[in-house]
Amino acid sequence: MTRPLSRIRATSLPRRGLSREEAAVYLGVSPGTFDKLRHAGQIDTPRVIGGRKLWDIRDLDIAFDSLPREDGPGIGSSWDDA
């Protein structure tokens, strides 16, 4: 094998938990905007594993689904103030 197994896993397996920066990229916003949304309660708090904060992509999907659409409101809460 040319690459260590851990590197292969890191690049090929889907991940459910994302760091703050990865979660922001996943939503298509900057880390600063992500922080504003978090502090406004529009994004759920992270899970914690050994002191590391990880955002669940399922929670991020729910938050994204609540975004308003250009032509009308989204499902659930609004992000208009973000």
C-alpha atoms as a PDB file:
ATOM      1  CA  MET A   1       0.000   0.000   0.000  1.00  0.00           C
ATOM      2  CA  THR A   2       1.457   3.380  -0.975  1.00  0.00           C
ATOM      3  CA  ARG A   3      -0.446   5.548   1.507  1.00  0.00           C
ATOM      4  CA  PRO A   4      -1.093   4.898   5.177  1.00  0.00           C
ATOM      5  CA  LEU A   5      -4.553   3.527   5.882  1.00  0.00           C
ATOM      6  CA  SER A   6      -5.437   6.568   8.029  1.00  0.00           C
ATOM      7  CA  ARG A   7      -4.780   8.931   5.088  1.00  0.00           C
ATOM      8  CA  ILE A   8      -6.919   6.812   2.767  1.00  0.00           C
ATOM      9  CA  ARG A   9      -9.760   6.844   5.302  1.00  0.00           C
ATOM     10  CA  ALA A  10      -9.463  10.605   5.804  1.00  0.00           C
ATOM     11  CA  THR A  11      -9.773  11.308   2.087  1.00  0.00           C
ATOM     12  CA  SER A  12     -12.294   8.691   1.024  1.00  0.00           C
ATOM     13  CA  LEU A  13     -14.842   8.239   3.796  1.00  0.00           C
ATOM     14  CA  PRO A  14     -17.762  10.645   4.208  1.00  0.00           C
ATOM     15  CA  ARG A  15     -17.633  12.569   7.475  1.00  0.00           C
ATOM     16  CA  ARG A  16     -20.600  13.426   9.629  1.00  0.00           C
ATOM     17  CA  GLY A  17     -18.792  15.741  12.072  1.00  0.00           C
ATOM     18  CA  LEU A  18     -17.242  18.941  10.739  1.00  0.00           C
ATOM     19  CA  SER A  19     -14.952  21.512  12.314  1.00  0.00           C
ATOM     20  CA  ARG A  20     -16.132  25.141  12.508  1.00  0.00           C
ATOM     21  CA  GLU A  21     -14.315  26.056   9.301  1.00  0.00           C
ATOM     22  CA  GLU A  22     -15.557  22.967   7.459  1.00  0.00           C
ATOM     23  CA  ALA A  23     -19.116  23.594   8.650  1.00  0.00           C
ATOM     24  CA  ALA A  24     -18.945  27.162   7.316  1.00  0.00           C
ATOM     25  CA  VAL A  25     -17.690  25.904   3.954  1.00  0.00           C
ATOM     26  CA  TYR A  26     -20.418  23.243   3.927  1.00  0.00           C
ATOM     27  CA  LEU A  27     -23.052  25.982   4.308  1.00  0.00           C
ATOM     28  CA  GLY A  28     -21.326  28.283   1.819  1.00  0.00           C
ATOM     29  CA  VAL A  29     -20.584  31.079   4.285  1.00  0.00           C
ATOM     30  CA  SER A  30     -17.490  32.547   5.908  1.00  0.00           C
ATOM     31  CA  PRO A  31     -16.424  31.400   9.384  1.00  0.00           C
ATOM     32  CA  GLY A  32     -17.383  34.870  10.675  1.00  0.00           C
ATOM     33  CA  THR A  33     -20.904  34.588   9.274  1.00  0.00           C
ATOM     34  CA  PHE A  34     -21.105  31.059  10.673  1.00  0.00           C
ATOM     35  CA  ASP A  35     -20.227  32.456  14.132  1.00  0.00           C
ATOM     36  CA  LYS A  36     -22.922  35.148  13.826  1.00  0.00           C
ATOM     37  CA  LEU A  37     -25.497  32.497  12.953  1.00  0.00           C
ATOM     38  CA  ARG A  38     -24.379  30.376  15.905  1.00  0.00           C
ATOM     39  CA  HIS A  39     -24.619  33.262  18.360  1.00  0.00           C
ATOM     40  CA  ALA A  40     -28.081  34.117  16.995  1.00  0.00           C
ATOM     41  CA  GLY A  41     -29.179  30.535  17.727  1.00  0.00           C
ATOM     42  CA  GLN A  42     -29.761  29.744  14.069  1.00  0.00           C
ATOM     43  CA  ILE A  43     -27.220  26.915  14.057  1.00  0.00           C
ATOM     44  CA  ASP A  44     -27.269  24.244  16.756  1.00  0.00           C
ATOM     45  CA  THR A  45     -24.424  23.915  19.219  1.00  0.00           C
ATOM     46  CA  PRO A  46     -21.646  21.479  18.325  1.00  0.00           C
ATOM     47  CA  ARG A  47     -21.121  17.963  19.603  1.00  0.00           C
ATOM     48  CA  VAL A  48     -17.969  17.460  21.664  1.00  0.00           C
ATOM     49  CA  ILE A  49     -15.574  14.536  21.325  1.00  0.00           C
ATOM     50  CA  GLY A  50     -12.547  14.663  23.580  1.00  0.00           C
ATOM     51  CA  GLY A  51     -12.739  18.442  23.782  1.00  0.00           C
ATOM     52  CA  ARG A  52     -13.045  18.843  20.011  1.00  0.00           C
ATOM     53  CA  LYS A  53     -16.141  20.681  18.755  1.00  0.00           C
ATOM     54  CA  LEU A  54     -17.830  19.089  15.743  1.00  0.00           C
ATOM     55  CA  TRP A  55     -20.976  20.158  13.911  1.00  0.00           C
ATOM     56  CA  ASP A  56     -23.261  17.391  12.715  1.00  0.00           C
ATOM     57  CA  ILE A  57     -24.004  17.691   8.988  1.00  0.00           C
ATOM     58  CA  ARG A  58     -27.583  16.619   9.709  1.00  0.00           C
ATOM     59  CA  ASP A  59     -28.029  19.648  11.983  1.00  0.00           C
ATOM     60  CA  LEU A  60     -26.404  21.854   9.347  1.00  0.00           C
ATOM     61  CA  ASP A  61     -28.807  20.514   6.717  1.00  0.00           C
ATOM     62  CA  ILE A  62     -31.773  21.423   8.940  1.00  0.00           C
ATOM     63  CA  ALA A  63     -30.361  24.926   9.455  1.00  0.00           C
ATOM     64  CA  PHE A  64     -29.812  25.314   5.711  1.00  0.00           C
ATOM     65  CA  ASP A  65     -33.365  24.162   4.987  1.00  0.00           C
ATOM     66  CA  SER A  66     -34.621  27.050   7.135  1.00  0.00           C
ATOM     67  CA  LEU A  67     -32.933  29.630   4.896  1.00  0.00           C
ATOM     68  CA  PRO A  68     -35.428  31.919   3.194  1.00  0.00           C
ATOM     69  CA  ARG A  69     -35.692  31.577  -0.562  1.00  0.00           C
ATOM     70  CA  GLU A  70     -35.158  34.556  -2.799  1.00  0.00           C
ATOM     71  CA  ASP A  71     -38.815  34.470  -3.837  1.00  0.00           C
ATOM     72  CA  GLY A  72     -40.323  33.707  -0.432  1.00  0.00           C
ATOM     73  CA  PRO A  73     -39.805  32.375   3.079  1.00  0.00           C
ATOM     74  CA  GLY A  74     -37.900  29.192   3.822  1.00  0.00           C
ATOM     75  CA  ILE A  75     -39.042  26.328   5.989  1.00  0.00           C
ATOM     76  CA  GLY A  76     -38.957  27.123   9.714  1.00  0.00           C
ATOM     77  CA  SER A  77     -37.017  30.056  11.129  1.00  0.00           C
ATOM     78  CA  SER A  78     -35.579  32.883   9.057  1.00  0.00           C
ATOM     79  CA  TRP A  79     -31.942  33.935   8.669  1.00  0.00           C
ATOM     80  CA  ASP A  80     -32.920  37.458   7.581  1.00  0.00           C
ATOM     81  CA  ASP A  81     -31.007  39.102  10.460  1.00  0.00           C
ATOM     82  CA  ALA A  82     -27.748  37.238   9.801  1.00  0.00           C
END
